[in-house]
């Protein structure tokens, strides 16, 4: 007796048959929905129950046809990030998505926005949202975003000197809180 599942895969009572659709067709459907790395595509096909040789063939076919390109994925990921994070965090995020560490480092190094520019944007946002944040708390928050500690303190010192120079230049009859 046959029954259809919600995915349209055929199963038989007693034993589970392989999914009906070929791995390459499913891979193309997955890639039509969103860009995936080679590792992500491999994992998704394996989770659907395809044997390793079919998964390998499907992934290699998609790579050779240009549908899977990890270098392009990494570059688009880095350039498309709206959240200001450090190079270390970007590399870690790419590695977590299955990109080779060296390829991830190359993509981050060739990013449109330099790390200092992203750090300055993160500092501006942090002090805009939490105006009374202490500098040590700000430094810890920026470290969690993957920025290097020396760069954080360099930027915070510049910010502190500009804030204190503004306070020093205010007229004596104006009360500064």
N, C-alpha and C. Protein backbone atom coordinates (compact mmCIF):
# COMPACT_ATOMS: atom_id res chain seq x y z
N UNK A 1 0.84 -1.17 0.00
CA UNK A 1 0.00 0.00 0.00
C UNK A 1 0.89 1.24 0.00
N UNK A 2 0.65 2.18 -0.93
CA UNK A 2 1.45 3.40 -1.06
C UNK A 2 0.70 4.58 -0.48
N UNK A 3 1.45 5.45 0.17
CA UNK A 3 0.86 6.70 0.63
C UNK A 3 1.84 7.82 0.33
N UNK A 4 1.30 8.97 0.02
CA UNK A 4 2.15 10.13 -0.32
C UNK A 4 2.36 10.97 0.92
N UNK A 5 3.56 11.48 1.06
CA UNK A 5 3.86 12.40 2.16
C UNK A 5 3.65 13.82 1.68
N UNK A 6 3.80 14.75 2.58
CA UNK A 6 3.58 16.15 2.23
C UNK A 6 4.59 16.66 1.20
N UNK A 7 5.75 16.02 1.12
CA UNK A 7 6.75 16.45 0.15
C UNK A 7 6.56 15.79 -1.21
N UNK A 8 5.61 14.90 -1.29
CA UNK A 8 5.39 14.21 -2.56
C UNK A 8 6.34 13.05 -2.75
N UNK A 9 6.97 12.59 -1.68
CA UNK A 9 7.89 11.48 -1.79
C UNK A 9 7.09 10.19 -1.59
N UNK A 10 7.45 9.17 -2.28
CA UNK A 10 6.72 7.92 -2.14
C UNK A 10 7.29 7.06 -1.03
N UNK A 11 6.42 6.47 -0.23
CA UNK A 11 6.85 5.57 0.82
C UNK A 11 6.01 4.31 0.71
N UNK A 12 6.56 3.22 1.14
CA UNK A 12 5.79 1.99 1.22
C UNK A 12 5.74 1.57 2.67
N UNK A 13 4.69 0.83 3.03
CA UNK A 13 4.59 0.37 4.41
C UNK A 13 5.70 -0.63 4.65
N UNK A 14 6.30 -0.54 5.80
CA UNK A 14 7.35 -1.48 6.16
C UNK A 14 8.74 -0.98 5.82
N UNK A 15 8.93 -0.46 4.63
CA UNK A 15 10.24 0.09 4.27
C UNK A 15 10.04 1.45 3.62
N UNK A 16 11.01 2.30 3.83
CA UNK A 16 10.93 3.66 3.29
C UNK A 16 11.70 3.70 1.98
N UNK A 17 11.01 4.05 0.92
CA UNK A 17 11.65 4.13 -0.39
C UNK A 17 12.40 5.45 -0.52
N UNK A 18 13.38 5.47 -1.42
CA UNK A 18 14.10 6.71 -1.70
C UNK A 18 13.15 7.75 -2.24
N UNK A 19 13.43 9.02 -2.03
CA UNK A 19 12.59 10.06 -2.62
C UNK A 19 12.55 9.90 -4.13
N UNK A 20 11.39 10.24 -4.72
CA UNK A 20 11.21 10.05 -6.15
C UNK A 20 12.07 10.99 -6.99
N UNK A 21 12.14 12.24 -6.60
CA UNK A 21 12.85 13.22 -7.41
C UNK A 21 14.35 12.95 -7.37
N UNK A 22 15.00 13.19 -8.48
CA UNK A 22 16.44 13.03 -8.57
C UNK A 22 17.12 14.11 -7.73
N UNK A 23 18.27 13.81 -7.21
CA UNK A 23 19.00 14.74 -6.34
C UNK A 23 19.31 16.04 -7.07
N UNK A 24 19.66 15.98 -8.34
CA UNK A 24 19.98 17.20 -9.08
C UNK A 24 18.77 18.12 -9.20
N UNK A 25 17.58 17.55 -9.43
CA UNK A 25 16.36 18.35 -9.54
C UNK A 25 16.08 19.04 -8.22
N UNK A 26 16.21 18.31 -7.13
CA UNK A 26 15.99 18.89 -5.80
C UNK A 26 17.04 19.96 -5.51
N UNK A 27 18.28 19.70 -5.91
CA UNK A 27 19.35 20.69 -5.71
C UNK A 27 19.03 21.98 -6.46
N UNK A 28 18.57 21.86 -7.68
CA UNK A 28 18.22 23.05 -8.45
C UNK A 28 17.04 23.79 -7.83
N UNK A 29 16.08 23.05 -7.29
CA UNK A 29 14.96 23.70 -6.59
C UNK A 29 15.46 24.47 -5.38
N UNK A 30 16.35 23.85 -4.61
CA UNK A 30 16.91 24.51 -3.43
C UNK A 30 17.68 25.78 -3.82
N UNK A 31 18.45 25.68 -4.89
CA UNK A 31 19.24 26.83 -5.34
C UNK A 31 18.37 27.92 -5.95
N UNK A 32 17.20 27.54 -6.46
CA UNK A 32 16.29 28.55 -6.99
C UNK A 32 15.67 29.37 -5.87
N UNK A 33 15.57 28.79 -4.69
CA UNK A 33 15.00 29.49 -3.55
C UNK A 33 15.98 30.47 -2.92
N UNK A 34 17.24 30.07 -2.81
CA UNK A 34 18.26 30.95 -2.24
C UNK A 34 19.65 30.43 -2.58
N UNK A 35 20.61 31.33 -2.51
CA UNK A 35 21.99 30.96 -2.79
C UNK A 35 22.51 30.11 -1.64
N UNK A 36 23.19 29.01 -1.97
CA UNK A 36 23.73 28.10 -0.97
C UNK A 36 25.20 27.82 -1.26
N UNK A 37 25.94 27.51 -0.20
CA UNK A 37 27.32 27.07 -0.39
C UNK A 37 27.29 25.59 -0.77
N UNK A 38 28.44 25.10 -1.20
CA UNK A 38 28.54 23.69 -1.55
C UNK A 38 28.22 22.81 -0.34
N UNK A 39 28.74 23.19 0.82
CA UNK A 39 28.50 22.40 2.03
C UNK A 39 27.03 22.44 2.44
N UNK A 40 26.39 23.59 2.31
CA UNK A 40 24.97 23.69 2.67
C UNK A 40 24.13 22.82 1.73
N UNK A 41 24.43 22.86 0.44
CA UNK A 41 23.69 22.05 -0.53
C UNK A 41 23.90 20.56 -0.24
N UNK A 42 25.13 20.18 0.03
CA UNK A 42 25.45 18.79 0.34
C UNK A 42 24.64 18.33 1.56
N UNK A 43 24.62 19.16 2.61
CA UNK A 43 23.91 18.81 3.84
C UNK A 43 22.41 18.67 3.61
N UNK A 44 21.84 19.60 2.87
CA UNK A 44 20.39 19.56 2.64
C UNK A 44 19.97 18.35 1.81
N UNK A 45 20.79 17.99 0.84
CA UNK A 45 20.46 16.81 0.04
C UNK A 45 20.61 15.53 0.87
N UNK A 46 21.65 15.48 1.70
CA UNK A 46 21.87 14.30 2.54
C UNK A 46 20.73 14.15 3.55
N UNK A 47 20.24 15.26 4.09
CA UNK A 47 19.13 15.20 5.05
C UNK A 47 17.85 14.68 4.39
N UNK A 48 17.74 14.87 3.10
CA UNK A 48 16.55 14.40 2.39
C UNK A 48 16.65 12.91 2.03
N UNK A 49 17.74 12.30 2.39
CA UNK A 49 17.85 10.85 2.23
C UNK A 49 18.51 10.37 0.96
N UNK A 50 19.15 11.22 0.22
CA UNK A 50 19.82 10.78 -0.99
C UNK A 50 21.14 10.12 -0.65
N UNK A 51 21.51 9.06 -1.37
CA UNK A 51 22.80 8.41 -1.11
C UNK A 51 23.96 9.35 -1.45
N UNK A 52 25.07 9.08 -0.84
CA UNK A 52 26.24 9.96 -0.97
C UNK A 52 26.68 10.14 -2.42
N UNK A 53 26.65 9.07 -3.22
CA UNK A 53 27.10 9.19 -4.60
C UNK A 53 26.17 10.08 -5.43
N UNK A 54 24.85 10.02 -5.17
CA UNK A 54 23.92 10.90 -5.89
C UNK A 54 24.11 12.36 -5.46
N UNK A 55 24.34 12.55 -4.16
CA UNK A 55 24.57 13.90 -3.66
C UNK A 55 25.83 14.47 -4.29
N UNK A 56 26.89 13.68 -4.31
CA UNK A 56 28.16 14.13 -4.90
C UNK A 56 27.97 14.51 -6.36
N UNK A 57 27.27 13.67 -7.11
CA UNK A 57 27.03 13.93 -8.53
C UNK A 57 26.21 15.20 -8.72
N UNK A 58 25.17 15.37 -7.91
CA UNK A 58 24.31 16.55 -8.04
C UNK A 58 25.08 17.82 -7.71
N UNK A 59 25.86 17.80 -6.64
CA UNK A 59 26.62 18.98 -6.23
C UNK A 59 27.68 19.32 -7.27
N UNK A 60 28.39 18.32 -7.75
CA UNK A 60 29.42 18.56 -8.77
C UNK A 60 28.80 19.10 -10.05
N UNK A 61 27.64 18.59 -10.41
CA UNK A 61 26.94 19.07 -11.60
C UNK A 61 26.54 20.54 -11.43
N UNK A 62 26.01 20.87 -10.27
CA UNK A 62 25.62 22.27 -10.01
C UNK A 62 26.83 23.19 -9.99
N UNK A 63 27.95 22.68 -9.47
CA UNK A 63 29.19 23.48 -9.46
C UNK A 63 29.69 23.71 -10.88
N UNK A 64 29.69 22.65 -11.68
CA UNK A 64 30.22 22.78 -13.04
C UNK A 64 29.33 23.68 -13.91
N UNK A 65 28.03 23.72 -13.60
CA UNK A 65 27.11 24.59 -14.34
C UNK A 65 27.11 26.02 -13.81
N UNK A 66 27.83 26.27 -12.73
CA UNK A 66 27.94 27.62 -12.19
C UNK A 66 26.84 28.01 -11.22
N UNK A 67 26.05 27.04 -10.78
CA UNK A 67 24.97 27.36 -9.84
C UNK A 67 25.46 27.43 -8.40
N UNK A 68 26.57 26.79 -8.12
CA UNK A 68 27.17 26.81 -6.79
C UNK A 68 28.58 27.36 -6.95
N UNK A 69 28.85 28.49 -6.29
CA UNK A 69 30.15 29.12 -6.35
C UNK A 69 30.45 29.71 -4.98
N UNK A 70 31.27 29.00 -4.21
CA UNK A 70 31.54 29.42 -2.84
C UNK A 70 32.26 30.76 -2.76
N UNK A 71 33.14 31.04 -3.71
CA UNK A 71 33.86 32.32 -3.69
C UNK A 71 32.88 33.48 -3.91
N UNK A 72 31.98 33.31 -4.85
CA UNK A 72 30.97 34.34 -5.09
C UNK A 72 30.04 34.49 -3.89
N UNK A 73 29.63 33.36 -3.30
CA UNK A 73 28.78 33.39 -2.11
C UNK A 73 29.47 34.19 -1.01
N UNK A 74 30.74 33.90 -0.77
CA UNK A 74 31.47 34.59 0.29
C UNK A 74 31.56 36.09 0.03
N UNK A 75 31.85 36.47 -1.21
CA UNK A 75 31.97 37.89 -1.54
C UNK A 75 30.63 38.60 -1.38
N UNK A 76 29.57 37.99 -1.85
CA UNK A 76 28.25 38.60 -1.72
C UNK A 76 27.82 38.67 -0.25
N UNK A 77 28.17 37.66 0.52
CA UNK A 77 27.83 37.65 1.94
C UNK A 77 28.54 38.80 2.66
N UNK A 78 29.81 38.97 2.40
CA UNK A 78 30.60 40.02 3.06
C UNK A 78 30.11 41.40 2.64
N UNK A 79 29.93 41.61 1.35
CA UNK A 79 29.51 42.93 0.87
C UNK A 79 28.06 43.25 1.19
N UNK A 80 27.25 42.21 1.40
CA UNK A 80 25.84 42.43 1.66
C UNK A 80 25.48 42.56 3.13
N UNK A 81 26.46 42.40 4.00
CA UNK A 81 26.18 42.50 5.44
C UNK A 81 25.84 43.94 5.80
N UNK A 82 24.66 44.15 6.35
CA UNK A 82 24.29 45.50 6.78
C UNK A 82 24.77 45.77 8.20
N UNK A 83 24.90 44.72 9.00
CA UNK A 83 25.37 44.89 10.37
C UNK A 83 26.88 45.04 10.37
N UNK A 84 27.36 46.04 11.08
CA UNK A 84 28.80 46.29 11.15
C UNK A 84 29.44 45.29 12.10
N UNK A 85 30.20 44.37 11.55
CA UNK A 85 30.92 43.38 12.35
C UNK A 85 32.37 43.34 11.88
N UNK A 86 33.23 42.82 12.73
CA UNK A 86 34.65 42.76 12.43
C UNK A 86 35.01 41.63 11.49
N UNK A 87 36.24 41.67 11.02
CA UNK A 87 36.73 40.65 10.10
C UNK A 87 36.67 39.26 10.71
N UNK A 88 37.03 39.14 12.00
CA UNK A 88 37.03 37.83 12.64
C UNK A 88 35.62 37.23 12.64
N UNK A 89 34.64 38.05 12.90
CA UNK A 89 33.25 37.57 12.93
C UNK A 89 32.78 37.19 11.53
N UNK A 90 33.15 37.97 10.52
CA UNK A 90 32.77 37.65 9.14
C UNK A 90 33.38 36.31 8.71
N UNK A 91 34.66 36.11 9.02
CA UNK A 91 35.33 34.86 8.66
C UNK A 91 34.66 33.70 9.37
N UNK A 92 34.37 33.86 10.66
CA UNK A 92 33.72 32.79 11.42
C UNK A 92 32.34 32.46 10.84
N UNK A 93 31.58 33.48 10.47
CA UNK A 93 30.25 33.25 9.88
C UNK A 93 30.36 32.49 8.56
N UNK A 94 31.34 32.84 7.75
CA UNK A 94 31.52 32.14 6.47
C UNK A 94 31.97 30.70 6.68
N UNK A 95 32.87 30.47 7.62
CA UNK A 95 33.33 29.11 7.90
C UNK A 95 32.16 28.27 8.42
N UNK A 96 31.32 28.87 9.24
CA UNK A 96 30.15 28.17 9.77
C UNK A 96 29.20 27.77 8.63
N UNK A 97 29.20 28.54 7.54
CA UNK A 97 28.34 28.23 6.39
C UNK A 97 29.01 27.27 5.40
N UNK A 98 30.23 26.82 5.72
CA UNK A 98 30.88 25.81 4.90
C UNK A 98 31.92 26.34 3.94
N UNK A 99 32.30 27.60 4.06
CA UNK A 99 33.33 28.17 3.20
C UNK A 99 34.70 27.86 3.81
N UNK A 100 35.65 27.52 2.97
CA UNK A 100 37.02 27.27 3.41
C UNK A 100 37.58 28.52 4.10
N UNK A 101 38.32 28.34 5.21
CA UNK A 101 38.82 29.47 6.00
C UNK A 101 39.68 30.42 5.16
N UNK A 102 40.55 29.89 4.31
CA UNK A 102 41.40 30.76 3.48
C UNK A 102 40.57 31.55 2.48
N UNK A 103 39.58 30.91 1.87
CA UNK A 103 38.71 31.62 0.93
C UNK A 103 37.90 32.69 1.66
N UNK A 104 37.48 32.39 2.88
CA UNK A 104 36.73 33.36 3.68
C UNK A 104 37.61 34.58 4.00
N UNK A 105 38.85 34.32 4.38
CA UNK A 105 39.78 35.43 4.69
C UNK A 105 40.03 36.29 3.46
N UNK A 106 40.16 35.67 2.29
CA UNK A 106 40.37 36.43 1.05
C UNK A 106 39.15 37.30 0.74
N UNK A 107 37.96 36.76 0.92
CA UNK A 107 36.74 37.52 0.66
C UNK A 107 36.60 38.70 1.61
N UNK A 108 36.92 38.48 2.87
CA UNK A 108 36.84 39.55 3.86
C UNK A 108 37.89 40.61 3.58
N UNK A 109 39.08 40.19 3.17
CA UNK A 109 40.15 41.15 2.87
C UNK A 109 39.79 42.03 1.68
N UNK A 110 38.99 41.51 0.75
CA UNK A 110 38.64 42.29 -0.43
C UNK A 110 37.25 42.93 -0.30
N UNK A 111 36.77 43.07 0.92
CA UNK A 111 35.44 43.65 1.15
C UNK A 111 35.41 45.11 0.72
N UNK A 112 34.20 45.55 0.34
CA UNK A 112 34.02 46.95 -0.07
C UNK A 112 34.31 47.91 1.07
N UNK A 113 33.84 47.57 2.28
CA UNK A 113 34.05 48.43 3.45
C UNK A 113 35.19 47.88 4.29
N UNK A 114 36.14 48.74 4.60
CA UNK A 114 37.26 48.34 5.44
C UNK A 114 36.78 48.12 6.88
N UNK A 115 37.57 47.37 7.63
CA UNK A 115 37.19 47.07 9.01
C UNK A 115 37.10 48.33 9.86
N UNK A 116 38.00 49.28 9.66
CA UNK A 116 37.95 50.53 10.44
C UNK A 116 36.65 51.29 10.17
N UNK A 117 36.21 51.29 8.93
CA UNK A 117 34.95 51.97 8.58
C UNK A 117 33.76 51.27 9.25
N UNK A 118 33.78 49.94 9.24
CA UNK A 118 32.70 49.20 9.91
C UNK A 118 32.74 49.40 11.42
N UNK A 119 33.95 49.48 11.99
CA UNK A 119 34.10 49.72 13.42
C UNK A 119 33.56 51.09 13.79
N UNK A 120 33.87 52.09 13.01
CA UNK A 120 33.37 53.44 13.28
C UNK A 120 31.84 53.47 13.22
N UNK A 121 31.27 52.77 12.26
CA UNK A 121 29.80 52.70 12.16
C UNK A 121 29.21 51.99 13.37
N UNK A 122 29.86 50.93 13.83
CA UNK A 122 29.37 50.21 15.01
C UNK A 122 29.45 51.08 16.26
N UNK A 123 30.53 51.84 16.40
CA UNK A 123 30.68 52.74 17.56
C UNK A 123 29.61 53.83 17.52
N UNK A 124 29.42 54.42 16.36
CA UNK A 124 28.39 55.46 16.24
C UNK A 124 27.01 54.91 16.61
N UNK A 125 26.69 53.72 16.13
CA UNK A 125 25.39 53.12 16.42
C UNK A 125 25.27 52.81 17.91
N UNK A 126 26.34 52.27 18.48
CA UNK A 126 26.31 51.90 19.90
C UNK A 126 26.05 53.12 20.79
N UNK A 127 26.74 54.22 20.52
CA UNK A 127 26.56 55.42 21.34
C UNK A 127 25.27 56.17 20.99
N UNK A 128 24.74 55.94 19.82
CA UNK A 128 23.46 56.53 19.47
C UNK A 128 22.33 55.81 20.21
N UNK A 129 22.43 54.50 20.31
CA UNK A 129 21.39 53.70 20.97
C UNK A 129 21.52 53.79 22.49
N UNK A 130 22.74 53.67 22.99
CA UNK A 130 22.99 53.70 24.43
C UNK A 130 23.96 54.83 24.73
N UNK A 131 23.45 56.04 24.85
CA UNK A 131 24.29 57.24 24.98
C UNK A 131 25.16 57.22 26.23
N UNK A 132 24.71 56.60 27.30
CA UNK A 132 25.46 56.63 28.55
C UNK A 132 26.28 55.37 28.79
N UNK A 133 26.59 54.62 27.76
CA UNK A 133 27.36 53.40 27.92
C UNK A 133 28.80 53.76 28.30
N UNK A 134 29.36 53.00 29.22
CA UNK A 134 30.74 53.24 29.62
C UNK A 134 31.67 52.72 28.53
N UNK A 135 32.88 53.24 28.50
CA UNK A 135 33.82 52.81 27.48
C UNK A 135 34.21 51.34 27.62
N UNK A 136 34.41 50.82 28.85
CA UNK A 136 34.69 49.37 28.94
C UNK A 136 33.53 48.51 28.44
N UNK A 137 32.30 48.92 28.73
CA UNK A 137 31.13 48.16 28.24
C UNK A 137 31.04 48.25 26.72
N UNK A 138 31.33 49.42 26.19
CA UNK A 138 31.33 49.59 24.73
C UNK A 138 32.40 48.70 24.10
N UNK A 139 33.57 48.67 24.72
CA UNK A 139 34.66 47.84 24.18
C UNK A 139 34.27 46.37 24.17
N UNK A 140 33.64 45.89 25.24
CA UNK A 140 33.22 44.49 25.28
C UNK A 140 32.17 44.20 24.21
N UNK A 141 31.23 45.12 24.03
CA UNK A 141 30.20 44.93 23.00
C UNK A 141 30.84 44.86 21.62
N UNK A 142 31.82 45.70 21.37
CA UNK A 142 32.48 45.72 20.06
C UNK A 142 33.35 44.48 19.86
N UNK A 143 33.94 43.97 20.94
CA UNK A 143 34.71 42.73 20.83
C UNK A 143 33.80 41.56 20.46
N UNK A 144 32.58 41.55 21.01
CA UNK A 144 31.63 40.49 20.67
C UNK A 144 31.22 40.56 19.20
N UNK A 145 31.33 41.73 18.59
CA UNK A 145 31.03 41.87 17.17
C UNK A 145 32.20 41.46 16.29
N UNK A 146 33.31 41.06 16.91
CA UNK A 146 34.45 40.54 16.16
C UNK A 146 35.50 41.55 15.77
N UNK A 147 35.48 42.73 16.38
CA UNK A 147 36.50 43.73 16.09
C UNK A 147 37.72 43.49 16.97
N UNK A 148 38.92 43.77 16.46
CA UNK A 148 40.13 43.57 17.26
C UNK A 148 40.25 44.61 18.37
N UNK A 149 40.71 44.17 19.53
CA UNK A 149 40.79 45.01 20.71
C UNK A 149 41.64 46.27 20.49
N UNK A 150 42.83 46.18 19.88
CA UNK A 150 43.61 47.42 19.69
C UNK A 150 42.88 48.47 18.86
N UNK A 151 42.17 48.03 17.83
CA UNK A 151 41.44 48.98 16.99
C UNK A 151 40.27 49.59 17.76
N UNK A 152 39.62 48.78 18.58
CA UNK A 152 38.51 49.30 19.39
C UNK A 152 39.00 50.41 20.30
N UNK A 153 40.06 50.16 21.05
CA UNK A 153 40.54 51.17 22.00
C UNK A 153 41.11 52.40 21.28
N UNK A 154 41.70 52.20 20.12
CA UNK A 154 42.18 53.34 19.35
C UNK A 154 41.01 54.25 18.96
N UNK A 155 39.94 53.65 18.46
CA UNK A 155 38.76 54.43 18.05
C UNK A 155 38.06 55.06 19.26
N UNK A 156 38.00 54.32 20.37
CA UNK A 156 37.37 54.88 21.57
C UNK A 156 38.18 56.04 22.14
N UNK A 157 39.51 55.96 22.07
CA UNK A 157 40.35 57.08 22.54
C UNK A 157 40.12 58.32 21.68
N UNK A 158 40.02 58.13 20.37
CA UNK A 158 39.75 59.26 19.47
C UNK A 158 38.39 59.86 19.80
N UNK A 159 37.41 59.01 20.02
CA UNK A 159 36.07 59.50 20.36
C UNK A 159 36.09 60.25 21.69
N UNK A 160 36.77 59.69 22.67
CA UNK A 160 36.84 60.34 23.99
C UNK A 160 37.54 61.69 23.90
N UNK A 161 38.61 61.76 23.13
CA UNK A 161 39.33 63.04 23.03
C UNK A 161 38.48 64.08 22.31
N UNK A 162 37.68 63.66 21.33
CA UNK A 162 36.83 64.63 20.64
C UNK A 162 35.68 65.08 21.55
N UNK A 163 35.15 64.17 22.36
CA UNK A 163 34.08 64.54 23.30
C UNK A 163 34.62 65.50 24.35
N UNK A 164 35.81 65.22 24.89
CA UNK A 164 36.38 66.08 25.92
C UNK A 164 36.83 67.41 25.34
N UNK A 165 37.27 67.45 24.11
CA UNK A 165 37.66 68.73 23.50
C UNK A 165 36.43 69.60 23.27
N UNK A 166 35.28 68.97 22.98
CA UNK A 166 34.04 69.73 22.85
C UNK A 166 33.62 70.32 24.19
N UNK A 167 33.82 69.57 25.27
CA UNK A 167 33.46 70.04 26.60
C UNK A 167 34.39 71.19 27.00
N UNK A 168 35.67 71.11 26.69
CA UNK A 168 36.64 72.16 27.02
C UNK A 168 36.39 73.43 26.24
N UNK A 169 35.81 73.32 25.04
CA UNK A 169 35.61 74.49 24.21
C UNK A 169 34.27 75.18 24.44
N UNK A 170 33.45 74.65 25.38
CA UNK A 170 32.17 75.31 25.64
C UNK A 170 32.41 76.56 26.47
N UNK A 171 31.63 77.62 26.27
CA UNK A 171 31.79 78.85 27.06
C UNK A 171 31.59 78.57 28.56
N UNK A 172 32.21 79.38 29.39
CA UNK A 172 32.18 79.17 30.83
C UNK A 172 30.79 79.37 31.42
N UNK A 173 29.97 80.20 30.79
CA UNK A 173 28.64 80.47 31.36
C UNK A 173 27.62 79.39 31.01
N UNK A 174 27.99 78.38 30.21
CA UNK A 174 27.08 77.29 29.84
C UNK A 174 27.34 76.13 30.79
N UNK A 175 26.29 75.60 31.39
CA UNK A 175 26.44 74.44 32.28
C UNK A 175 26.45 73.16 31.45
N UNK A 176 27.48 72.36 31.64
CA UNK A 176 27.60 71.09 30.96
C UNK A 176 27.21 70.00 31.93
N UNK A 177 26.24 69.17 31.60
CA UNK A 177 25.82 68.12 32.55
C UNK A 177 26.88 67.08 32.78
